[in-house]
């Protein structure tokens, strides 16, 4: 299981991420509200402004203060590291 840091020592499994989106649109705001009501919302912002919403394949919604580009960059760096590791093991 590969994990990425989403701020303040909080981690998310890369294999579970379906989408990383901005919280600004009305559909995403509704998704956040519905998730909060269902109890499937994880707020990892520590009181800061939400800048990215991570949607997982298990219908959990994770809020983070990092920008979507930052989170996506961390996912890409993790993928590149794995590819390099596989090449050296061959």
PDB file of N, CA and C in Angstrom:
ATOM      1  N   UNK A   1       0.848  -1.174   0.000  1.00  0.00           N
ATOM      2  CA  UNK A   1       0.000   0.000   0.000  1.00  0.00           C
ATOM      3  C   UNK A   1       0.894   1.237   0.000  1.00  0.00           C
ATOM      4  N   UNK A   2       0.650   2.114  -0.959  1.00  0.00           N
ATOM      5  CA  UNK A   2       1.421   3.351  -1.071  1.00  0.00           C
ATOM      6  C   UNK A   2       0.620   4.497  -0.454  1.00  0.00           C
ATOM      7  N   UNK A   3       1.265   5.299   0.379  1.00  0.00           N
ATOM      8  CA  UNK A   3       0.608   6.424   1.051  1.00  0.00           C
ATOM      9  C   UNK A   3       1.266   7.730   0.631  1.00  0.00           C
ATOM     10  N   UNK A   4       0.461   8.788   0.557  1.00  0.00           N
ATOM     11  CA  UNK A   4       1.007  10.135   0.334  1.00  0.00           C
ATOM     12  C   UNK A   4       0.572  11.022   1.488  1.00  0.00           C
ATOM     13  N   UNK A   5       1.416  11.975   1.814  1.00  0.00           N
ATOM     14  CA  UNK A   5       1.137  12.925   2.880  1.00  0.00           C
ATOM     15  C   UNK A   5       0.221  14.017   2.331  1.00  0.00           C
ATOM     16  N   UNK A   6      -0.901  14.260   3.016  1.00  0.00           N
ATOM     17  CA  UNK A   6      -1.823  15.318   2.594  1.00  0.00           C
ATOM     18  C   UNK A   6      -1.818  16.480   3.591  1.00  0.00           C
ATOM     19  N   UNK A   7      -0.777  16.542   4.403  1.00  0.00           N
ATOM     20  CA  UNK A   7      -0.630  17.647   5.335  1.00  0.00           C
ATOM     21  C   UNK A   7      -0.828  17.244   6.774  1.00  0.00           C
ATOM     22  N   UNK A   8      -0.042  17.847   7.665  1.00  0.00           N
ATOM     23  CA  UNK A   8      -0.119  17.629   9.109  1.00  0.00           C
ATOM     24  C   UNK A   8       0.066  16.160   9.480  1.00  0.00           C
ATOM     25  N   UNK A   9       0.844  15.432   8.708  1.00  0.00           N
ATOM     26  CA  UNK A   9       1.099  14.032   9.003  1.00  0.00           C
ATOM     27  C   UNK A   9      -0.023  13.086   8.620  1.00  0.00           C
ATOM     28  N   UNK A  10      -1.052  13.584   7.966  1.00  0.00           N
ATOM     29  CA  UNK A  10      -2.158  12.743   7.514  1.00  0.00           C
ATOM     30  C   UNK A  10      -1.789  12.095   6.188  1.00  0.00           C
ATOM     31  N   UNK A  11      -2.175  10.836   6.043  1.00  0.00           N
ATOM     32  CA  UNK A  11      -1.816  10.075   4.853  1.00  0.00           C
ATOM     33  C   UNK A  11      -3.062   9.501   4.187  1.00  0.00           C
ATOM     34  N   UNK A  12      -2.976   9.348   2.849  1.00  0.00           N
ATOM     35  CA  UNK A  12      -4.046   8.742   2.070  1.00  0.00           C
ATOM     36  C   UNK A  12      -3.428   7.679   1.174  1.00  0.00           C
ATOM     37  N   UNK A  13      -4.117   6.576   1.019  1.00  0.00           N
ATOM     38  CA  UNK A  13      -3.647   5.506   0.149  1.00  0.00           C
ATOM     39  C   UNK A  13      -3.796   5.916  -1.310  1.00  0.00           C
ATOM     40  N   UNK A  14      -2.717   5.875  -2.043  1.00  0.00           N
ATOM     41  CA  UNK A  14      -2.710   6.262  -3.457  1.00  0.00           C
ATOM     42  C   UNK A  14      -3.623   5.333  -4.257  1.00  0.00           C
ATOM     43  N   UNK A  15      -3.651   4.064  -3.889  1.00  0.00           N
ATOM     44  CA  UNK A  15      -4.446   3.080  -4.620  1.00  0.00           C
ATOM     45  C   UNK A  15      -5.943   3.326  -4.506  1.00  0.00           C
ATOM     46  N   UNK A  16      -6.369   4.079  -3.501  1.00  0.00           N
ATOM     47  CA  UNK A  16      -7.794   4.335  -3.273  1.00  0.00           C
ATOM     48  C   UNK A  16      -8.291   5.632  -3.915  1.00  0.00           C
ATOM     49  N   UNK A  17      -7.396   6.495  -4.364  1.00  0.00           N
ATOM     50  CA  UNK A  17      -7.792   7.797  -4.909  1.00  0.00           C
ATOM     51  C   UNK A  17      -8.421   7.625  -6.289  1.00  0.00           C
ATOM     52  N   UNK A  18      -9.619   8.193  -6.429  1.00  0.00           N
ATOM     53  CA  UNK A  18     -10.306   8.202  -7.710  1.00  0.00           C
ATOM     54  C   UNK A  18     -10.130   9.561  -8.370  1.00  0.00           C
ATOM     55  N   UNK A  19     -10.225  10.631  -7.573  1.00  0.00           N
ATOM     56  CA  UNK A  19     -10.177  11.977  -8.127  1.00  0.00           C
ATOM     57  C   UNK A  19      -9.679  12.966  -7.082  1.00  0.00           C
ATOM     58  N   UNK A  20      -9.018  14.014  -7.578  1.00  0.00           N
ATOM     59  CA  UNK A  20      -8.582  15.129  -6.730  1.00  0.00           C
ATOM     60  C   UNK A  20      -9.139  16.378  -7.382  1.00  0.00           C
ATOM     61  N   UNK A  21     -10.053  17.064  -6.696  1.00  0.00           N
ATOM     62  CA  UNK A  21     -10.754  18.199  -7.297  1.00  0.00           C
ATOM     63  C   UNK A  21     -10.733  19.424  -6.392  1.00  0.00           C
ATOM     64  N   UNK A  22     -11.037  20.556  -6.985  1.00  0.00           N
ATOM     65  CA  UNK A  22     -11.163  21.810  -6.253  1.00  0.00           C
ATOM     66  C   UNK A  22     -12.545  21.870  -5.601  1.00  0.00           C
ATOM     67  N   UNK A  23     -12.656  22.461  -4.432  1.00  0.00           N
ATOM     68  CA  UNK A  23     -13.942  22.496  -3.724  1.00  0.00           C
ATOM     69  C   UNK A  23     -14.859  23.657  -4.135  1.00  0.00           C
ATOM     70  N   UNK A  24     -14.519  24.368  -5.180  1.00  0.00           N
ATOM     71  CA  UNK A  24     -15.228  25.599  -5.519  1.00  0.00           C
ATOM     72  C   UNK A  24     -16.570  25.406  -6.223  1.00  0.00           C
ATOM     73  N   UNK A  25     -16.770  24.325  -6.953  1.00  0.00           N
ATOM     74  CA  UNK A  25     -17.999  24.169  -7.739  1.00  0.00           C
ATOM     75  C   UNK A  25     -19.173  23.717  -6.860  1.00  0.00           C
ATOM     76  N   UNK A  26     -20.373  24.051  -7.304  1.00  0.00           N
ATOM     77  CA  UNK A  26     -21.584  23.695  -6.555  1.00  0.00           C
ATOM     78  C   UNK A  26     -21.749  22.179  -6.405  1.00  0.00           C
ATOM     79  N   UNK A  27     -21.492  21.375  -7.445  1.00  0.00           N
ATOM     80  CA  UNK A  27     -21.637  19.921  -7.257  1.00  0.00           C
ATOM     81  C   UNK A  27     -20.679  19.356  -6.206  1.00  0.00           C
ATOM     82  N   UNK A  28     -19.478  19.864  -6.139  1.00  0.00           N
ATOM     83  CA  UNK A  28     -18.516  19.383  -5.141  1.00  0.00           C
ATOM     84  C   UNK A  28     -18.947  19.834  -3.751  1.00  0.00           C
ATOM     85  N   UNK A  29     -19.454  21.049  -3.634  1.00  0.00           N
ATOM     86  CA  UNK A  29     -19.957  21.519  -2.335  1.00  0.00           C
ATOM     87  C   UNK A  29     -21.108  20.640  -1.855  1.00  0.00           C
ATOM     88  N   UNK A  30     -21.994  20.244  -2.786  1.00  0.00           N
ATOM     89  CA  UNK A  30     -23.091  19.343  -2.421  1.00  0.00           C
ATOM     90  C   UNK A  30     -22.554  17.978  -2.003  1.00  0.00           C
ATOM     91  N   UNK A  31     -21.564  17.492  -2.736  1.00  0.00           N
ATOM     92  CA  UNK A  31     -20.951  16.203  -2.412  1.00  0.00           C
ATOM     93  C   UNK A  31     -20.352  16.228  -1.005  1.00  0.00           C
ATOM     94  N   UNK A  32     -19.690  17.322  -0.660  1.00  0.00           N
ATOM     95  CA  UNK A  32     -19.108  17.473   0.672  1.00  0.00           C
ATOM     96  C   UNK A  32     -20.202  17.470   1.733  1.00  0.00           C
ATOM     97  N   UNK A  33     -21.271  18.216   1.498  1.00  0.00           N
ATOM     98  CA  UNK A  33     -22.370  18.296   2.461  1.00  0.00           C
ATOM     99  C   UNK A  33     -23.043  16.937   2.646  1.00  0.00           C
ATOM    100  N   UNK A  34     -23.287  16.230   1.544  1.00  0.00           N
ATOM    101  CA  UNK A  34     -23.908  14.907   1.632  1.00  0.00           C
ATOM    102  C   UNK A  34     -23.002  13.927   2.380  1.00  0.00           C
ATOM    103  N   UNK A  35     -21.715  14.021   2.120  1.00  0.00           N
ATOM    104  CA  UNK A  35     -20.755  13.150   2.785  1.00  0.00           C
ATOM    105  C   UNK A  35     -20.715  13.436   4.287  1.00  0.00           C
ATOM    106  N   UNK A  36     -20.793  14.706   4.635  1.00  0.00           N
ATOM    107  CA  UNK A  36     -20.808  15.092   6.053  1.00  0.00           C
ATOM    108  C   UNK A  36     -22.034  14.501   6.745  1.00  0.00           C
ATOM    109  N   UNK A  37     -23.180  14.565   6.070  1.00  0.00           N
ATOM    110  CA  UNK A  37     -24.421  14.039   6.642  1.00  0.00           C
ATOM    111  C   UNK A  37     -24.383  12.516   6.788  1.00  0.00           C
ATOM    112  N   UNK A  38     -23.739  11.825   5.836  1.00  0.00           N
ATOM    113  CA  UNK A  38     -23.636  10.362   5.880  1.00  0.00           C
ATOM    114  C   UNK A  38     -22.545   9.879   6.829  1.00  0.00           C
ATOM    115  N   UNK A  39     -21.647  10.782   7.214  1.00  0.00           N
ATOM    116  CA  UNK A  39     -20.550  10.390   8.093  1.00  0.00           C
ATOM    117  C   UNK A  39     -19.361   9.812   7.358  1.00  0.00           C
ATOM    118  N   UNK A  40     -19.236  10.121   6.080  1.00  0.00           N
ATOM    119  CA  UNK A  40     -18.120   9.601   5.283  1.00  0.00           C
ATOM    120  C   UNK A  40     -17.134  10.700   4.898  1.00  0.00           C
ATOM    121  N   UNK A  41     -17.147  11.797   5.628  1.00  0.00           N
ATOM    122  CA  UNK A  41     -16.244  12.919   5.362  1.00  0.00           C
ATOM    123  C   UNK A  41     -15.079  12.877   6.342  1.00  0.00           C
ATOM    124  N   UNK A  42     -13.869  13.024   5.812  1.00  0.00           N
ATOM    125  CA  UNK A  42     -12.670  13.112   6.638  1.00  0.00           C
ATOM    126  C   UNK A  42     -12.073  14.493   6.419  1.00  0.00           C
ATOM    127  N   UNK A  43     -12.069  15.308   7.455  1.00  0.00           N
ATOM    128  CA  UNK A  43     -11.540  16.669   7.365  1.00  0.00           C
ATOM    129  C   UNK A  43     -10.109  16.685   7.887  1.00  0.00           C
ATOM    130  N   UNK A  44      -9.156  16.779   6.968  1.00  0.00           N
ATOM    131  CA  UNK A  44      -7.732  16.798   7.334  1.00  0.00           C
ATOM    132  C   UNK A  44      -7.143  18.192   7.163  1.00  0.00           C
ATOM    133  N   UNK A  45      -7.989  19.219   7.261  1.00  0.00           N
ATOM    134  CA  UNK A  45      -7.528  20.596   7.058  1.00  0.00           C
ATOM    135  C   UNK A  45      -6.987  21.234   8.329  1.00  0.00           C
ATOM    136  N   UNK A  46      -7.317  20.681   9.484  1.00  0.00           N
ATOM    137  CA  UNK A  46      -6.919  21.246  10.781  1.00  0.00           C
ATOM    138  C   UNK A  46      -7.356  22.708  10.910  1.00  0.00           C
ATOM    139  N   UNK A  47      -8.553  22.986  10.438  1.00  0.00           N
ATOM    140  CA  UNK A  47      -9.120  24.319  10.573  1.00  0.00           C
ATOM    141  C   UNK A  47      -8.721  25.303   9.491  1.00  0.00           C
ATOM    142  N   UNK A  48      -7.909  24.878   8.572  1.00  0.00           N
ATOM    143  CA  UNK A  48      -7.511  25.768   7.475  1.00  0.00           C
ATOM    144  C   UNK A  48      -8.503  25.666   6.326  1.00  0.00           C
ATOM    145  N   UNK A  49      -8.349  26.541   5.370  1.00  0.00           N
ATOM    146  CA  UNK A  49      -9.230  26.569   4.216  1.00  0.00           C
ATOM    147  C   UNK A  49      -9.047  25.305   3.367  1.00  0.00           C
ATOM    148  N   UNK A  50     -10.161  24.717   2.944  1.00  0.00           N
ATOM    149  CA  UNK A  50     -10.115  23.539   2.083  1.00  0.00           C
ATOM    150  C   UNK A  50      -9.741  23.962   0.672  1.00  0.00           C
ATOM    151  N   UNK A  51      -8.682  23.370   0.152  1.00  0.00           N
ATOM    152  CA  UNK A  51      -8.238  23.703  -1.206  1.00  0.00           C
ATOM    153  C   UNK A  51      -8.329  22.529  -2.156  1.00  0.00           C
ATOM    154  N   UNK A  52      -8.422  21.308  -1.612  1.00  0.00           N
ATOM    155  CA  UNK A  52      -8.566  20.127  -2.457  1.00  0.00           C
ATOM    156  C   UNK A  52      -9.482  19.119  -1.786  1.00  0.00           C
ATOM    157  N   UNK A  53     -10.232  18.422  -2.618  1.00  0.00           N
ATOM    158  CA  UNK A  53     -11.127  17.371  -2.158  1.00  0.00           C
ATOM    159  C   UNK A  53     -10.664  16.085  -2.835  1.00  0.00           C
ATOM    160  N   UNK A  54     -10.376  15.082  -2.024  1.00  0.00           N
ATOM    161  CA  UNK A  54      -9.934  13.791  -2.544  1.00  0.00           C
ATOM    162  C   UNK A  54     -11.108  12.828  -2.440  1.00  0.00           C
ATOM    163  N   UNK A  55     -11.478  12.263  -3.582  1.00  0.00           N
ATOM    164  CA  UNK A  55     -12.581  11.313  -3.629  1.00  0.00           C
ATOM    165  C   UNK A  55     -11.977   9.922  -3.768  1.00  0.00           C
ATOM    166  N   UNK A  56     -12.411   9.012  -2.905  1.00  0.00           N
ATOM    167  CA  UNK A  56     -11.847   7.657  -2.905  1.00  0.00           C
ATOM    168  C   UNK A  56     -12.842   6.656  -3.479  1.00  0.00           C
ATOM    169  N   UNK A  57     -12.332   5.477  -3.812  1.00  0.00           N
ATOM    170  CA  UNK A  57     -13.187   4.435  -4.366  1.00  0.00           C
ATOM    171  C   UNK A  57     -14.094   3.797  -3.320  1.00  0.00           C
ATOM    172  N   UNK A  58     -13.869   4.079  -2.053  1.00  0.00           N
ATOM    173  CA  UNK A  58     -14.715   3.558  -0.982  1.00  0.00           C
ATOM    174  C   UNK A  58     -15.742   4.599  -0.521  1.00  0.00           C
ATOM    175  N   UNK A  59     -15.991   5.594  -1.378  1.00  0.00           N
ATOM    176  CA  UNK A  59     -16.967   6.667  -1.128  1.00  0.00           C
ATOM    177  C   UNK A  59     -16.623   7.554   0.065  1.00  0.00           C
ATOM    178  N   UNK A  60     -15.368   7.570   0.477  1.00  0.00           N
ATOM    179  CA  UNK A  60     -14.926   8.518   1.486  1.00  0.00           C
ATOM    180  C   UNK A  60     -14.486   9.792   0.780  1.00  0.00           C
ATOM    181  N   UNK A  61     -14.750  10.921   1.402  1.00  0.00           N
ATOM    182  CA  UNK A  61     -14.340  12.218   0.888  1.00  0.00           C
ATOM    183  C   UNK A  61     -13.344  12.787   1.891  1.00  0.00           C
ATOM    184  N   UNK A  62     -12.163  13.162   1.399  1.00  0.00           N
ATOM    185  CA  UNK A  62     -11.107  13.679   2.261  1.00  0.00           C
ATOM    186  C   UNK A  62     -10.833  15.127   1.870  1.00  0.00           C
ATOM    187  N   UNK A  63     -10.888  16.020   2.866  1.00  0.00           N
ATOM    188  CA  UNK A  63     -10.594  17.432   2.636  1.00  0.00           C
ATOM    189  C   UNK A  63      -9.172  17.730   3.087  1.00  0.00           C
ATOM    190  N   UNK A  64      -8.436  18.509   2.298  1.00  0.00           N
ATOM    191  CA  UNK A  64      -7.087  18.897   2.665  1.00  0.00           C
ATOM    192  C   UNK A  64      -6.861  20.366   2.338  1.00  0.00           C
ATOM    193  N   UNK A  65      -5.916  20.976   3.014  1.00  0.00           N
ATOM    194  CA  UNK A  65      -5.604  22.382   2.773  1.00  0.00           C
ATOM    195  C   UNK A  65      -4.618  22.544   1.616  1.00  0.00           C
ATOM    196  N   UNK A  66      -4.062  21.446   1.122  1.00  0.00           N
ATOM    197  CA  UNK A  66      -3.131  21.510  -0.012  1.00  0.00           C
ATOM    198  C   UNK A  66      -3.894  21.749  -1.307  1.00  0.00           C
ATOM    199  N   UNK A  67      -3.232  22.385  -2.267  1.00  0.00           N
ATOM    200  CA  UNK A  67      -3.831  22.590  -3.582  1.00  0.00           C
ATOM    201  C   UNK A  67      -3.919  21.263  -4.329  1.00  0.00           C
ATOM    202  N   UNK A  68      -4.918  21.108  -5.211  1.00  0.00           N
ATOM    203  CA  UNK A  68      -5.040  19.868  -5.987  1.00  0.00           C
ATOM    204  C   UNK A  68      -3.761  19.524  -6.754  1.00  0.00           C
ATOM    205  N   UNK A  69      -3.092  20.533  -7.291  1.00  0.00           N
ATOM    206  CA  UNK A  69      -1.862  20.307  -8.047  1.00  0.00           C
ATOM    207  C   UNK A  69      -0.764  19.719  -7.157  1.00  0.00           C
ATOM    208  N   UNK A  70      -0.715  20.175  -5.914  1.00  0.00           N
ATOM    209  CA  UNK A  70       0.284  19.675  -4.966  1.00  0.00           C
ATOM    210  C   UNK A  70       0.036  18.207  -4.648  1.00  0.00           C
ATOM    211  N   UNK A  71      -1.216  17.867  -4.384  1.00  0.00           N
ATOM    212  CA  UNK A  71      -1.557  16.474  -4.076  1.00  0.00           C
ATOM    213  C   UNK A  71      -1.267  15.595  -5.292  1.00  0.00           C
ATOM    214  N   UNK A  72      -1.677  16.045  -6.471  1.00  0.00           N
ATOM    215  CA  UNK A  72      -1.438  15.277  -7.693  1.00  0.00           C
ATOM    216  C   UNK A  72       0.059  15.107  -7.933  1.00  0.00           C
ATOM    217  N   UNK A  73       0.836  16.134  -7.657  1.00  0.00           N
ATOM    218  CA  UNK A  73       2.283  16.035  -7.809  1.00  0.00           C
ATOM    219  C   UNK A  73       2.878  15.004  -6.881  1.00  0.00           C
ATOM    220  N   UNK A  74       2.361  14.904  -5.677  1.00  0.00           N
ATOM    221  CA  UNK A  74       2.859  13.904  -4.728  1.00  0.00           C
ATOM    222  C   UNK A  74       2.493  12.489  -5.187  1.00  0.00           C
ATOM    223  N   UNK A  75       1.338  12.345  -5.806  1.00  0.00           N
ATOM    224  CA  UNK A  75       0.944  11.041  -6.348  1.00  0.00           C
ATOM    225  C   UNK A  75       1.882  10.667  -7.490  1.00  0.00           C
ATOM    226  N   UNK A  76       2.172  11.607  -8.377  1.00  0.00           N
ATOM    227  CA  UNK A  76       3.052  11.350  -9.515  1.00  0.00           C
ATOM    228  C   UNK A  76       4.466  11.019  -9.057  1.00  0.00           C
ATOM    229  N   UNK A  77       4.988  11.739  -8.085  1.00  0.00           N
ATOM    230  CA  UNK A  77       6.332  11.471  -7.574  1.00  0.00           C
ATOM    231  C   UNK A  77       6.387  10.073  -6.995  1.00  0.00           C
ATOM    232  N   UNK A  78       5.345   9.660  -6.279  1.00  0.00           N
ATOM    233  CA  UNK A  78       5.295   8.327  -5.707  1.00  0.00           C
ATOM    234  C   UNK A  78       5.290   7.268  -6.810  1.00  0.00           C
ATOM    235  N   UNK A  79       4.544   7.500  -7.890  1.00  0.00           N
ATOM    236  CA  UNK A  79       4.505   6.567  -9.009  1.00  0.00           C
ATOM    237  C   UNK A  79       5.859   6.467  -9.697  1.00  0.00           C
ATOM    238  N   UNK A  80       6.538   7.589  -9.881  1.00  0.00           N
ATOM    239  CA  UNK A  80       7.843   7.586 -10.520  1.00  0.00           C
ATOM    240  C   UNK A  80       8.856   6.817  -9.673  1.00  0.00           C
ATOM    241  N   UNK A  81       8.797   6.973  -8.372  1.00  0.00           N
ATOM    242  CA  UNK A  81       9.707   6.277  -7.470  1.00  0.00           C
ATOM    243  C   UNK A  81       9.504   4.770  -7.589  1.00  0.00           C
ATOM    244  N   UNK A  82       8.242   4.333  -7.658  1.00  0.00           N
ATOM    245  CA  UNK A  82       7.952   2.909  -7.778  1.00  0.00           C
ATOM    246  C   UNK A  82       8.482   2.329  -9.084  1.00  0.00           C
ATOM    247  N   UNK A  83       8.355   3.080 -10.181  1.00  0.00           N
ATOM    248  CA  UNK A  83       8.842   2.612 -11.469  1.00  0.00           C
ATOM    249  C   UNK A  83      10.369   2.465 -11.456  1.00  0.00           C
ATOM    250  N   UNK A  84      11.057   3.433 -10.837  1.00  0.00           N
ATOM    251  CA  UNK A  84      12.515   3.358 -10.742  1.00  0.00           C
ATOM    252  C   UNK A  84      12.937   2.168  -9.884  1.00  0.00           C
ATOM    253  N   UNK A  85      12.210   1.921  -8.801  1.00  0.00           N
ATOM    254  CA  UNK A  85      12.521   0.817  -7.909  1.00  0.00           C
ATOM    255  C   UNK A  85      12.362  -0.524  -8.628  1.00  0.00           C
ATOM    256  N   UNK A  86      11.303  -0.656  -9.442  1.00  0.00           N
ATOM    257  CA  UNK A  86      11.077  -1.886 -10.187  1.00  0.00           C
ATOM    258  C   UNK A  86      12.205  -2.133 -11.189  1.00  0.00           C
ATOM    259  N   UNK A  87      12.672  -1.069 -11.845  1.00  0.00           N
ATOM    260  CA  UNK A  87      13.742  -1.203 -12.837  1.00  0.00           C
ATOM    261  C   UNK A  87      15.038  -1.670 -12.192  1.00  0.00           C
ATOM    262  N   UNK A  88      15.336  -1.187 -10.992  1.00  0.00           N
ATOM    263  CA  UNK A  88      16.591  -1.571 -10.325  1.00  0.00           C
ATOM    264  C   UNK A  88      16.509  -2.983  -9.777  1.00  0.00           C
ATOM    265  N   UNK A  89      15.305  -3.481  -9.500  1.00  0.00           N
ATOM    266  CA  UNK A  89      15.144  -4.842  -8.979  1.00  0.00           C
ATOM    267  C   UNK A  89      15.228  -5.909 -10.070  1.00  0.00           C
ATOM    268  N   UNK A  90      15.101  -5.522 -11.327  1.00  0.00           N
ATOM    269  CA  UNK A  90      15.115  -6.488 -12.432  1.00  0.00           C
ATOM    270  C   UNK A  90      16.486  -6.968 -12.762  1.00  0.00           C
TER     271      UNK A  90
END
